[in-house]
C-alpha atoms as a PDB file:
ATOM      1  CA  MET A   1      37.965  85.122  31.898  1.00  0.00           C
ATOM      2  CA  ALA A   2      41.208  83.729  33.952  1.00  0.00           C
ATOM      3  CA  TYR A   3      42.413  81.444  31.580  1.00  0.00           C
ATOM      4  CA  LYS A   4      42.182  80.319  27.941  1.00  0.00           C
ATOM      5  CA  ASP A   5      43.789  77.177  26.362  1.00  0.00           C
ATOM      6  CA  LEU A   6      45.753  78.102  23.512  1.00  0.00           C
ATOM      7  CA  ASP A   7      44.087  75.450  21.185  1.00  0.00           C
ATOM      8  CA  SER A   8      41.163  77.746  21.357  1.00  0.00           C
ATOM      9  CA  THR A   9      42.367  80.218  18.914  1.00  0.00           C
ATOM     10  CA  ARG A  10      43.369  77.267  16.442  1.00  0.00           C
ATOM     11  CA  SER A  11      46.096  79.138  15.534  1.00  0.00           C
ATOM     12  CA  PHE A  12      49.033  78.680  18.228  1.00  0.00           C
ATOM     13  CA  GLY A  13      51.177  76.571  15.928  1.00  0.00           C
ATOM     14  CA  GLU A  14      54.588  77.789  14.764  1.00  0.00           C
ATOM     15  CA  PRO A  15      55.074  81.164  16.473  1.00  0.00           C
ATOM     16  CA  TRP A  16      55.247  80.215  20.131  1.00  0.00           C
ATOM     17  CA  LEU A  17      56.701  76.826  19.882  1.00  0.00           C
ATOM     18  CA  PRO A  18      58.872  77.130  16.844  1.00  0.00           C
ATOM     19  CA  PHE A  19      61.253  74.526  18.207  1.00  0.00           C
ATOM     20  CA  VAL A  20      59.229  71.223  17.228  1.00  0.00           C
ATOM     21  CA  LEU A  21      58.015  72.566  13.733  1.00  0.00           C
ATOM     22  CA  SER A  22      59.466  71.861  10.209  1.00  0.00           C
ATOM     23  CA  PRO A  23      61.585  75.153   9.517  1.00  0.00           C
ATOM     24  CA  SER A  24      59.504  75.036   6.211  1.00  0.00           C
ATOM     25  CA  LEU A  25      56.115  76.031   7.871  1.00  0.00           C
ATOM     26  CA  VAL A  26      57.243  78.810  10.085  1.00  0.00           C
ATOM     27  CA  PRO A  27      57.956  81.976   8.381  1.00  0.00           C
ATOM     28  CA  GLY A  28      60.820  85.059   9.229  1.00  0.00           C
ATOM     29  CA  PRO A  29      62.899  85.030  12.302  1.00  0.00           C
ATOM     30  CA  ALA A  30      61.026  82.066  13.785  1.00  0.00           C
ATOM     31  CA  ALA A  31      62.217  80.057  10.593  1.00  0.00           C
ATOM     32  CA  ALA A  32      65.980  80.710  11.328  1.00  0.00           C
ATOM     33  CA  ALA A  33      65.741  79.611  14.687  1.00  0.00           C
ATOM     34  CA  ALA A  34      63.721  76.036  13.616  1.00  0.00           C
ATOM     35  CA  ARG A  35      66.407  75.636  11.293  1.00  0.00           C
ATOM     36  CA  ARG A  36      69.363  75.915  14.259  1.00  0.00           C
ATOM     37  CA  CYS A  37      67.010  73.093  16.009  1.00  0.00           C
ATOM     38  CA  GLY A  38      67.390  70.597  13.099  1.00  0.00           C
ATOM     39  CA  PRO A  39      64.591  68.624  11.844  1.00  0.00           C
ATOM     40  CA  VAL A  40      61.135  68.058  12.956  1.00  0.00           C
ATOM     41  CA  VAL A  41      60.937  64.791  15.247  1.00  0.00           C
ATOM     42  CA  MET A  42      58.472  61.866  14.092  1.00  0.00           C
ATOM     43  CA  PRO A  43      55.952  60.951  16.602  1.00  0.00           C
ATOM     44  CA  ARG A  44      56.445  57.661  18.418  1.00  0.00           C
ATOM     45  CA  THR A  45      54.181  55.490  20.242  1.00  0.00           C
ATOM     46  CA  LEU A  46      55.829  54.608  23.504  1.00  0.00           C
ATOM     47  CA  ALA A  47      54.470  52.800  26.703  1.00  0.00           C
ATOM     48  CA  SER A  48      55.197  54.094  30.163  1.00  0.00           C
ATOM     49  CA  PRO A  49      58.053  56.677  28.291  1.00  0.00           C
ATOM     50  CA  THR A  50      60.232  58.581  30.858  1.00  0.00           C
ATOM     51  CA  ILE A  51      59.435  62.342  30.004  1.00  0.00           C
ATOM     52  CA  LEU A  52      61.966  64.446  31.763  1.00  0.00           C
ATOM     53  CA  VAL A  53      60.673  68.481  32.417  1.00  0.00           C
ATOM     54  CA  PHE A  54      63.455  70.956  33.283  1.00  0.00           C
ATOM     55  CA  ASP A  55      63.408  74.436  33.972  1.00  0.00           C
ATOM     56  CA  SER A  56      65.523  76.382  36.265  1.00  0.00           C
ATOM     57  CA  GLY A  57      63.285  76.350  39.488  1.00  0.00           C
ATOM     58  CA  LEU A  58      59.697  75.184  40.009  1.00  0.00           C
ATOM     59  CA  GLY A  59      57.727  77.055  37.223  1.00  0.00           C
ATOM     60  CA  GLY A  60      57.939  73.789  35.341  1.00  0.00           C
ATOM     61  CA  LEU A  61      55.861  72.459  37.589  1.00  0.00           C
ATOM     62  CA  THR A  62      52.788  74.209  35.672  1.00  0.00           C
ATOM     63  CA  VAL A  63      54.000  72.053  32.626  1.00  0.00           C
ATOM     64  CA  PHE A  64      54.775  69.023  34.593  1.00  0.00           C
ATOM     65  CA  ARG A  65      50.896  69.169  35.924  1.00  0.00           C
ATOM     66  CA  GLU A  66      49.338  69.482  32.603  1.00  0.00           C
ATOM     67  CA  ILE A  67      51.579  66.687  31.372  1.00  0.00           C
ATOM     68  CA  VAL A  68      50.898  64.342  34.269  1.00  0.00           C
ATOM     69  CA  THR A  69      47.320  64.493  33.089  1.00  0.00           C
ATOM     70  CA  SER A  70      47.809  63.700  29.701  1.00  0.00           C
ATOM     71  CA  ARG A  71      50.620  61.014  30.219  1.00  0.00           C
ATOM     72  CA  PRO A  72      49.681  59.666  33.877  1.00  0.00           C
ATOM     73  CA  ASP A  73      51.397  55.973  32.907  1.00  0.00           C
ATOM     74  CA  ALA A  74      54.811  58.070  31.847  1.00  0.00           C
ATOM     75  CA  ARG A  75      57.983  57.770  34.354  1.00  0.00           C
ATOM     76  CA  LEU A  76      58.403  61.829  34.929  1.00  0.00           C
ATOM     77  CA  VAL A  77      60.915  63.239  36.304  1.00  0.00           C
ATOM     78  CA  TYR A  78      61.233  67.029  37.279  1.00  0.00           C
ATOM     79  CA  ALA A  79      64.510  68.795  37.377  1.00  0.00           C
ATOM     80  CA  ALA A  80      65.159  72.057  38.726  1.00  0.00           C
ATOM     81  CA  ASP A  81      68.403  73.622  38.355  1.00  0.00           C
ATOM     82  CA  ASP A  82      67.867  76.210  41.476  1.00  0.00           C
ATOM     83  CA  ALA A  83      71.833  76.192  42.158  1.00  0.00           C
ATOM     84  CA  VAL A  84      71.821  78.961  39.543  1.00  0.00           C
ATOM     85  CA  PHE A  85      67.986  80.338  39.758  1.00  0.00           C
ATOM     86  CA  PRO A  86      66.872  82.717  38.034  1.00  0.00           C
ATOM     87  CA  TYR A  87      68.754  82.414  34.391  1.00  0.00           C
ATOM     88  CA  GLY A  88      68.083  85.602  33.602  1.00  0.00           C
ATOM     89  CA  ARG A  89      70.960  86.838  35.876  1.00  0.00           C
ATOM     90  CA  MET A  90      73.452  84.615  33.745  1.00  0.00           C
ATOM     91  CA  ASP A  91      75.398  85.569  30.714  1.00  0.00           C
ATOM     92  CA  GLU A  92      73.763  84.055  27.693  1.00  0.00           C
ATOM     93  CA  ALA A  93      77.433  82.292  26.771  1.00  0.00           C
ATOM     94  CA  ALA A  94      77.853  80.600  30.962  1.00  0.00           C
ATOM     95  CA  LEU A  95      74.136  79.854  30.580  1.00  0.00           C
ATOM     96  CA  VAL A  96      74.145  77.695  27.628  1.00  0.00           C
ATOM     97  CA  ALA A  97      77.528  75.786  28.617  1.00  0.00           C
ATOM     98  CA  ARG A  98      75.464  75.335  32.011  1.00  0.00           C
ATOM     99  CA  VAL A  99      72.385  74.271  30.974  1.00  0.00           C
ATOM    100  CA  VAL A 100      74.181  71.664  28.265  1.00  0.00           C
ATOM    101  CA  ALA A 101      76.364  70.400  30.936  1.00  0.00           C
ATOM    102  CA  VAL A 102      73.471  69.773  33.606  1.00  0.00           C
ATOM    103  CA  MET A 103      71.598  68.048  30.910  1.00  0.00           C
ATOM    104  CA  GLU A 104      74.368  66.048  30.083  1.00  0.00           C
ATOM    105  CA  ARG A 105      74.283  64.559  33.638  1.00  0.00           C
ATOM    106  CA  LEU A 106      70.725  64.265  33.752  1.00  0.00           C
ATOM    107  CA  ILE A 107      70.087  62.527  30.598  1.00  0.00           C
ATOM    108  CA  ALA A 108      72.839  59.817  31.968  1.00  0.00           C
ATOM    109  CA  ALA A 109      70.881  59.480  34.819  1.00  0.00           C
ATOM    110  CA  HIS A 110      67.490  59.184  33.826  1.00  0.00           C
ATOM    111  CA  ALA A 111      67.367  58.200  29.925  1.00  0.00           C
ATOM    112  CA  PRO A 112      64.526  60.672  29.282  1.00  0.00           C
ATOM    113  CA  ASP A 113      62.255  59.364  25.841  1.00  0.00           C
ATOM    114  CA  VAL A 114      61.546  62.980  25.612  1.00  0.00           C
ATOM    115  CA  VAL A 115      62.867  66.449  27.399  1.00  0.00           C
ATOM    116  CA  VAL A 116      60.499  69.404  27.934  1.00  0.00           C
ATOM    117  CA  ILE A 117      62.461  72.649  28.584  1.00  0.00           C
ATOM    118  CA  ALA A 118      59.906  74.598  30.461  1.00  0.00           C
ATOM    119  CA  CYS A 119      61.878  77.798  30.816  1.00  0.00           C
ATOM    120  CA  ASN A 120      61.151  80.317  28.036  1.00  0.00           C
ATOM    121  CA  THR A 121      65.107  81.985  28.628  1.00  0.00           C
ATOM    122  CA  ALA A 122      66.605  78.409  28.333  1.00  0.00           C
ATOM    123  CA  SER A 123      64.314  77.347  25.372  1.00  0.00           C
ATOM    124  CA  THR A 124      65.224  80.619  23.177  1.00  0.00           C
ATOM    125  CA  LEU A 125      68.937  80.292  23.835  1.00  0.00           C
ATOM    126  CA  VAL A 126      69.886  77.017  24.418  1.00  0.00           C
ATOM    127  CA  LEU A 127      67.958  74.513  22.207  1.00  0.00           C
ATOM    128  CA  PRO A 128      69.735  74.814  19.569  1.00  0.00           C
ATOM    129  CA  ALA A 129      72.578  73.143  21.368  1.00  0.00           C
ATOM    130  CA  LEU A 130      70.796  71.137  23.256  1.00  0.00           C
ATOM    131  CA  ARG A 131      69.670  69.360  20.026  1.00  0.00           C
ATOM    132  CA  ALA A 132      73.128  69.568  18.391  1.00  0.00           C
ATOM    133  CA  ARG A 133      74.672  67.510  21.716  1.00  0.00           C
ATOM    134  CA  PHE A 134      71.910  64.827  21.999  1.00  0.00           C
ATOM    135  CA  ASP A 135      69.758  62.357  20.345  1.00  0.00           C
ATOM    136  CA  VAL A 136      66.378  63.191  22.191  1.00  0.00           C
ATOM    137  CA  PRO A 137      63.577  65.058  21.166  1.00  0.00           C
ATOM    138  CA  PHE A 138      63.300  68.580  23.175  1.00  0.00           C
ATOM    139  CA  VAL A 139      59.936  70.388  23.562  1.00  0.00           C
ATOM    140  CA  GLY A 140      60.656  73.930  24.338  1.00  0.00           C
ATOM    141  CA  THR A 141      58.332  77.091  24.890  1.00  0.00           C
ATOM    142  CA  VAL A 142      58.604  81.107  23.662  1.00  0.00           C
ATOM    143  CA  PRO A 143      55.708  83.624  24.085  1.00  0.00           C
ATOM    144  CA  ALA A 144      52.229  83.008  22.916  1.00  0.00           C
ATOM    145  CA  ILE A 145      52.105  86.232  21.276  1.00  0.00           C
ATOM    146  CA  LYS A 146      50.547  85.242  18.038  1.00  0.00           C
ATOM    147  CA  PRO A 147      47.261  83.485  19.615  1.00  0.00           C
ATOM    148  CA  ALA A 148      47.431  86.381  22.126  1.00  0.00           C
ATOM    149  CA  CYS A 149      47.084  88.626  19.335  1.00  0.00           C
ATOM    150  CA  ALA A 150      44.827  86.567  17.330  1.00  0.00           C
ATOM    151  CA  ALA A 151      41.925  86.020  20.153  1.00  0.00           C
ATOM    152  CA  SER A 152      42.077  89.758  21.368  1.00  0.00           C
ATOM    153  CA  THR A 153      39.281  91.358  20.891  1.00  0.00           C
ATOM    154  CA  SER A 154      40.237  95.154  22.400  1.00  0.00           C
ATOM    155  CA  ARG A 155      43.705  94.456  20.179  1.00  0.00           C
ATOM    156  CA  ARG A 156      45.493  95.449  23.526  1.00  0.00           C
ATOM    157  CA  VAL A 157      47.606  92.931  24.460  1.00  0.00           C
ATOM    158  CA  SER A 158      50.431  92.580  27.269  1.00  0.00           C
ATOM    159  CA  VAL A 159      53.628  90.416  27.465  1.00  0.00           C
ATOM    160  CA  LEU A 160      54.358  89.750  31.342  1.00  0.00           C
ATOM    161  CA  GLY A 161      57.287  87.988  31.266  1.00  0.00           C
ATOM    162  CA  THR A 162      60.666  88.145  33.255  1.00  0.00           C
ATOM    163  CA  GLU A 163      63.204  91.261  32.053  1.00  0.00           C
ATOM    164  CA  ALA A 164      65.452  88.930  30.568  1.00  0.00           C
ATOM    165  CA  THR A 165      62.490  87.707  28.299  1.00  0.00           C
ATOM    166  CA  VAL A 166      60.592  91.026  27.101  1.00  0.00           C
ATOM    167  CA  LYS A 167      64.509  92.287  26.519  1.00  0.00           C
ATOM    168  CA  ARG A 168      65.288  89.309  24.323  1.00  0.00           C
ATOM    169  CA  GLU A 169      65.433  90.284  20.508  1.00  0.00           C
ATOM    170  CA  TYR A 170      63.423  86.534  19.784  1.00  0.00           C
ATOM    171  CA  THR A 171      60.327  88.310  21.684  1.00  0.00           C
ATOM    172  CA  HIS A 172      60.676  91.523  19.965  1.00  0.00           C
ATOM    173  CA  ALA A 173      60.758  89.455  16.373  1.00  0.00           C
ATOM    174  CA  LEU A 174      57.879  87.831  17.341  1.00  0.00           C
ATOM    175  CA  ILE A 175      55.654  91.149  18.065  1.00  0.00           C
ATOM    176  CA  ARG A 176      56.962  92.488  14.685  1.00  0.00           C
ATOM    177  CA  GLU A 177      56.093  89.436  12.303  1.00  0.00           C
ATOM    178  CA  PHE A 178      52.984  88.468  14.526  1.00  0.00           C
ATOM    179  CA  GLY A 179      51.423  91.363  16.190  1.00  0.00           C
ATOM    180  CA  GLY A 180      48.655  91.709  13.672  1.00  0.00           C
ATOM    181  CA  GLY A 181      48.225  95.214  14.179  1.00  0.00           C
ATOM    182  CA  CYS A 182      47.875  94.927  18.127  1.00  0.00           C
ATOM    183  CA  ALA A 183      48.991  97.218  20.690  1.00  0.00           C
ATOM    184  CA  VAL A 184      51.590  94.834  22.528  1.00  0.00           C
ATOM    185  CA  THR A 185      52.991  95.935  25.772  1.00  0.00           C
ATOM    186  CA  LEU A 186      56.107  94.341  26.951  1.00  0.00           C
ATOM    187  CA  VAL A 187      56.074  94.103  30.966  1.00  0.00           C
ATOM    188  CA  GLY A 188      59.567  92.936  32.633  1.00  0.00           C
ATOM    189  CA  SER A 189      58.987  91.235  35.989  1.00  0.00           C
ATOM    190  CA  ALA A 190      62.047  91.638  38.326  1.00  0.00           C
ATOM    191  CA  ARG A 191      60.159  89.627  41.240  1.00  0.00           C
ATOM    192  CA  LEU A 192      57.474  87.672  39.699  1.00  0.00           C
ATOM    193  CA  ALA A 193      59.133  84.457  39.579  1.00  0.00           C
ATOM    194  CA  ALA A 194      60.718  84.787  42.929  1.00  0.00           C
ATOM    195  CA  LEU A 195      57.241  85.169  44.496  1.00  0.00           C
ATOM    196  CA  ALA A 196      55.996  82.235  42.754  1.00  0.00           C
ATOM    197  CA  GLU A 197      58.841  80.229  44.201  1.00  0.00           C
ATOM    198  CA  ALA A 198      58.378  81.559  47.919  1.00  0.00           C
ATOM    199  CA  GLU A 199      54.509  80.747  47.955  1.00  0.00           C
ATOM    200  CA  LEU A 200      55.408  77.306  47.214  1.00  0.00           C
ATOM    201  CA  ARG A 201      58.089  77.339  49.878  1.00  0.00           C
ATOM    202  CA  GLY A 202      55.243  78.498  52.618  1.00  0.00           C
ATOM    203  CA  GLU A 203      56.432  82.195  52.945  1.00  0.00           C
ATOM    204  CA  THR A 204      54.676  85.019  53.137  1.00  0.00           C
ATOM    205  CA  VAL A 205      53.531  86.809  49.863  1.00  0.00           C
ATOM    206  CA  THR A 206      51.619  89.554  49.776  1.00  0.00           C
ATOM    207  CA  ASP A 207      48.883  90.815  47.571  1.00  0.00           C
ATOM    208  CA  GLU A 208      50.579  94.436  47.359  1.00  0.00           C
ATOM    209  CA  ALA A 209      53.812  92.560  46.433  1.00  0.00           C
ATOM    210  CA  VAL A 210      51.955  90.757  43.152  1.00  0.00           C
ATOM    211  CA  LEU A 211      50.010  93.758  42.164  1.00  0.00           C
ATOM    212  CA  ALA A 212      52.862  95.761  41.912  1.00  0.00           C
ATOM    213  CA  GLU A 213      54.289  93.141  39.515  1.00  0.00           C
ATOM    214  CA  ILE A 214      51.211  92.944  37.291  1.00  0.00           C
ATOM    215  CA  ALA A 215      50.167  96.175  37.233  1.00  0.00           C
ATOM    216  CA  PRO A 216      51.624  97.669  34.043  1.00  0.00           C
ATOM    217  CA  CYS A 217      49.966  94.884  32.390  1.00  0.00           C
ATOM    218  CA  PHE A 218      46.649  96.916  32.332  1.00  0.00           C
ATOM    219  CA  VAL A 219      46.611  99.669  29.969  1.00  0.00           C
ATOM    220  CA  GLU A 220      43.455 101.862  29.418  1.00  0.00           C
ATOM    221  CA  ASP A 221      43.196 104.261  26.866  1.00  0.00           C
ATOM    222  CA  ALA A 222      40.410 106.260  25.144  1.00  0.00           C
ATOM    223  CA  GLN A 223      39.695 103.217  22.482  1.00  0.00           C
ATOM    224  CA  ALA A 224      40.252 100.270  24.703  1.00  0.00           C
ATOM    225  CA  ARG A 225      41.723  98.389  27.202  1.00  0.00           C
ATOM    226  CA  THR A 226      43.903  95.460  27.831  1.00  0.00           C
ATOM    227  CA  ASP A 227      41.907  92.109  27.472  1.00  0.00           C
ATOM    228  CA  THR A 228      44.735  89.643  26.779  1.00  0.00           C
ATOM    229  CA  VAL A 229      47.835  88.828  29.093  1.00  0.00           C
ATOM    230  CA  VAL A 230      50.422  86.586  28.094  1.00  0.00           C
ATOM    231  CA  LEU A 231      51.992  84.671  30.680  1.00  0.00           C
ATOM    232  CA  ALA A 232      55.635  84.791  29.496  1.00  0.00           C
ATOM    233  CA  CYS A 233      57.334  82.451  32.044  1.00  0.00           C
ATOM    234  CA  THR A 234      56.706  79.037  33.441  1.00  0.00           C
ATOM    235  CA  HIS A 235      56.321  80.776  37.005  1.00  0.00           C
ATOM    236  CA  PHE A 236      53.797  83.033  36.703  1.00  0.00           C
ATOM    237  CA  PRO A 237      50.499  80.737  36.103  1.00  0.00           C
ATOM    238  CA  LEU A 238      51.699  79.152  40.009  1.00  0.00           C
ATOM    239  CA  LEU A 239      49.679  82.704  40.710  1.00  0.00           C
ATOM    240  CA  LEU A 240      46.908  82.325  38.531  1.00  0.00           C
ATOM    241  CA  GLU A 241      44.498  82.840  41.504  1.00  0.00           C
ATOM    242  CA  ARG A 242      45.816  86.024  42.509  1.00  0.00           C
ATOM    243  CA  LEU A 243      46.656  87.444  39.466  1.00  0.00           C
ATOM    244  CA  THR A 244      43.088  86.933  38.278  1.00  0.00           C
ATOM    245  CA  ARG A 245      41.579  88.323  41.575  1.00  0.00           C
ATOM    246  CA  LEU A 246      44.098  91.039  41.668  1.00  0.00           C
ATOM    247  CA  ALA A 247      43.298  92.343  37.925  1.00  0.00           C
ATOM    248  CA  PRO A 248      41.480  95.486  38.028  1.00  0.00           C
ATOM    249  CA  TRP A 249      39.341  94.126  35.097  1.00  0.00           C
ATOM    250  CA  PRO A 250      38.822  90.877  33.731  1.00  0.00           C
ATOM    251  CA  VAL A 251      41.433  89.631  30.829  1.00  0.00           C
ATOM    252  CA  THR A 252      42.282  86.495  29.342  1.00  0.00           C
ATOM    253  CA  PHE A 253      45.552  84.854  31.151  1.00  0.00           C
ATOM    254  CA  LEU A 254      47.524  82.697  28.154  1.00  0.00           C
ATOM    255  CA  ASP A 255      49.514  79.890  29.515  1.00  0.00           C
ATOM    256  CA  PRO A 256      51.572  77.683  27.244  1.00  0.00           C
ATOM    257  CA  ALA A 257      51.284  74.437  29.365  1.00  0.00           C
ATOM    258  CA  PRO A 258      48.321  72.714  28.281  1.00  0.00           C
ATOM    259  CA  ALA A 259      49.562  72.820  24.518  1.00  0.00           C
ATOM    260  CA  ILE A 260      53.075  71.738  25.479  1.00  0.00           C
ATOM    261  CA  ALA A 261      51.677  68.764  27.029  1.00  0.00           C
ATOM    262  CA  ARG A 262      49.900  68.085  23.696  1.00  0.00           C
ATOM    263  CA  ARG A 263      53.348  68.712  21.954  1.00  0.00           C
ATOM    264  CA  VAL A 264      54.623  65.611  23.785  1.00  0.00           C
ATOM    265  CA  VAL A 265      51.595  63.659  23.682  1.00  0.00           C
ATOM    266  CA  GLU A 266      52.652  64.230  19.912  1.00  0.00           C
ATOM    267  CA  LEU A 267      55.548  62.710  20.113  1.00  0.00           C
ATOM    268  CA  VAL A 268      55.221  59.608  22.637  1.00  0.00           C
ATOM    269  CA  GLY A 269      51.705  58.932  22.027  1.00  0.00           C
ATOM    270  CA  ARG A 270      48.421  58.548  23.721  1.00  0.00           C
ATOM    271  CA  ALA A 271      48.376  56.859  27.523  1.00  0.00           C
ATOM    272  CA  ASN A 272      47.160  53.196  27.587  1.00  0.00           C
ATOM    273  CA  GLY A 273      46.016  52.931  30.715  1.00  0.00           C
ATOM    274  CA  ALA A 274      49.153  51.296  32.374  1.00  0.00           C
ATOM    275  CA  ALA A 275      50.311  52.628  35.792  1.00  0.00           C
ATOM    276  CA  PRO A 276      53.599  54.477  36.106  1.00  0.00           C
ATOM    277  CA  THR A 277      56.412  51.575  36.968  1.00  0.00           C
ATOM    278  CA  THR A 278      58.281  54.358  39.458  1.00  0.00           C
ATOM    279  CA  ALA A 279      56.742  57.096  41.298  1.00  0.00           C
ATOM    280  CA  ALA A 280      57.395  60.622  40.076  1.00  0.00           C
ATOM    281  CA  GLN A 281      61.066  62.354  40.696  1.00  0.00           C
ATOM    282  CA  ALA A 282      62.124  65.835  41.656  1.00  0.00           C
ATOM    283  CA  VAL A 283      65.743  66.323  41.249  1.00  0.00           C
ATOM    284  CA  PHE A 284      67.262  69.955  42.766  1.00  0.00           C
ATOM    285  CA  THR A 285      70.764  70.523  41.472  1.00  0.00           C
ATOM    286  CA  SER A 286      71.542  72.705  44.704  1.00  0.00           C
ATOM    287  CA  GLY A 287      71.024  69.274  46.509  1.00  0.00           C
ATOM    288  CA  ARG A 288      69.381  71.731  49.251  1.00  0.00           C
ATOM    289  CA  ALA A 289      66.828  70.333  51.237  1.00  0.00           C
ATOM    290  CA  ALA A 290      62.902  71.082  50.356  1.00  0.00           C
ATOM    291  CA  PRO A 291      61.275  72.594  53.458  1.00  0.00           C
ATOM    292  CA  PRO A 292      57.764  70.862  54.514  1.00  0.00           C
ATOM    293  CA  PRO A 293      55.722  73.346  52.679  1.00  0.00           C
ATOM    294  CA  LEU A 294      57.653  72.411  49.638  1.00  0.00           C
ATOM    295  CA  GLN A 295      57.273  69.136  49.870  1.00  0.00           C
ATOM    296  CA  ALA A 296      53.654  69.523  50.486  1.00  0.00           C
ATOM    297  CA  ALA A 297      53.495  71.253  47.441  1.00  0.00           C
ATOM    298  CA  LEU A 298      55.261  69.002  45.570  1.00  0.00           C
ATOM    299  CA  ARG A 299      53.232  66.176  46.423  1.00  0.00           C
ATOM    300  CA  ARG A 300      50.092  68.008  45.412  1.00  0.00           C
ATOM    301  CA  PHE A 301      51.956  68.239  41.696  1.00  0.00           C
ATOM    302  CA  GLY A 302      52.397  64.372  42.171  1.00  0.00           C
ATOM    303  CA  ILE A 303      55.758  64.175  43.412  1.00  0.00           C
ATOM    304  CA  ALA A 304      56.773  62.187  46.384  1.00  0.00           C
ATOM    305  CA  ASP A 305      60.432  61.394  45.665  1.00  0.00           C
ATOM    306  CA  ILE A 306      62.740  63.984  45.728  1.00  0.00           C
ATOM    307  CA  ALA A 307      66.367  63.153  45.196  1.00  0.00           C
ATOM    308  CA  ALA A 308      69.401  64.353  46.490  1.00  0.00           C
ATOM    309  CA  GLY A 309      70.770  66.371  43.735  1.00  0.00           C
ATOM    310  CA  PHE A 310      74.255  66.411  42.226  1.00  0.00           C
ATOM    311  CA  ASP A 311      77.243  68.923  42.339  1.00  0.00           C
ATOM    312  CA  THR A 312      77.758  71.079  39.249  1.00  0.00           C
ATOM    313  CA  PRO A 313      81.287  72.653  40.274  1.00  0.00           C
ATOM    314  CA  SER A 314      82.545  72.260  36.633  1.00  0.00           C
ATOM    315  CA  VAL A 315      79.143  74.465  35.226  1.00  0.00           C
ATOM    316  CA  SER A 316      79.171  77.027  37.591  1.00  0.00           C
ATOM    317  CA  PRO A 317      78.012  80.647  36.506  1.00  0.00           C
END
């Protein structure tokens, strides 16, 4: 099995998406994070809401795609902070300052009803500052460790993320608290996110390059072998077909995007059948022109309007 909807575990809840839950419902270290992020946002029912999906690059398109399916009537804006991609190379304080500054520009320009931070790094570091600064509901994502461990039959789980994500104490705390006796292998990929971006831009990405990044996920001993891989970076599902084909044996790949889309629907309500008032738009902070293959890829995601971007000299890394 190549993909699993997080809801099928019926236990995805608080540990993988702590930033949209009441702190009283979240145990341990996740509770501290939830408390820093303020009270839970109550659901609303909005006609044709404006939904902003934000990432450092193109990975958030996997989340964007699920939101389009859930709320096709919404006005959708996809914002990529590609001027400083990838975020993992930035100092934490600089990253917080930059995302808050860029978000200020985006919120002023688009007046979103909800903002989705479709990036593990930004979610674990920046959401408290964003919630303190803006009166807009934010939905974030962190590694889906509890549902993965709950669903694993072999009790062998791998977490495939960026190098920054797997090193972060937040990830280790989730494993300690929600590992449930599973042997969890952390795999920090230095190149997979960039490979996913390169493929969307029409560049050649070899199977050998992808396999080298994912091979450490597949662990086998005398008792059992890995049966579940958490995709702890929103870029990685862009390569899901390739990951499935190159896996040395069948595993479940956990992608949080459908559950994130469901949380958005909880906040803004279900679609009412109306058509969106404007076409979906993409904004790239670098202002670089999208090459034709990327333009074609964005159209496949439902984005035909690509904005010129904006300068952010005061928030450079």
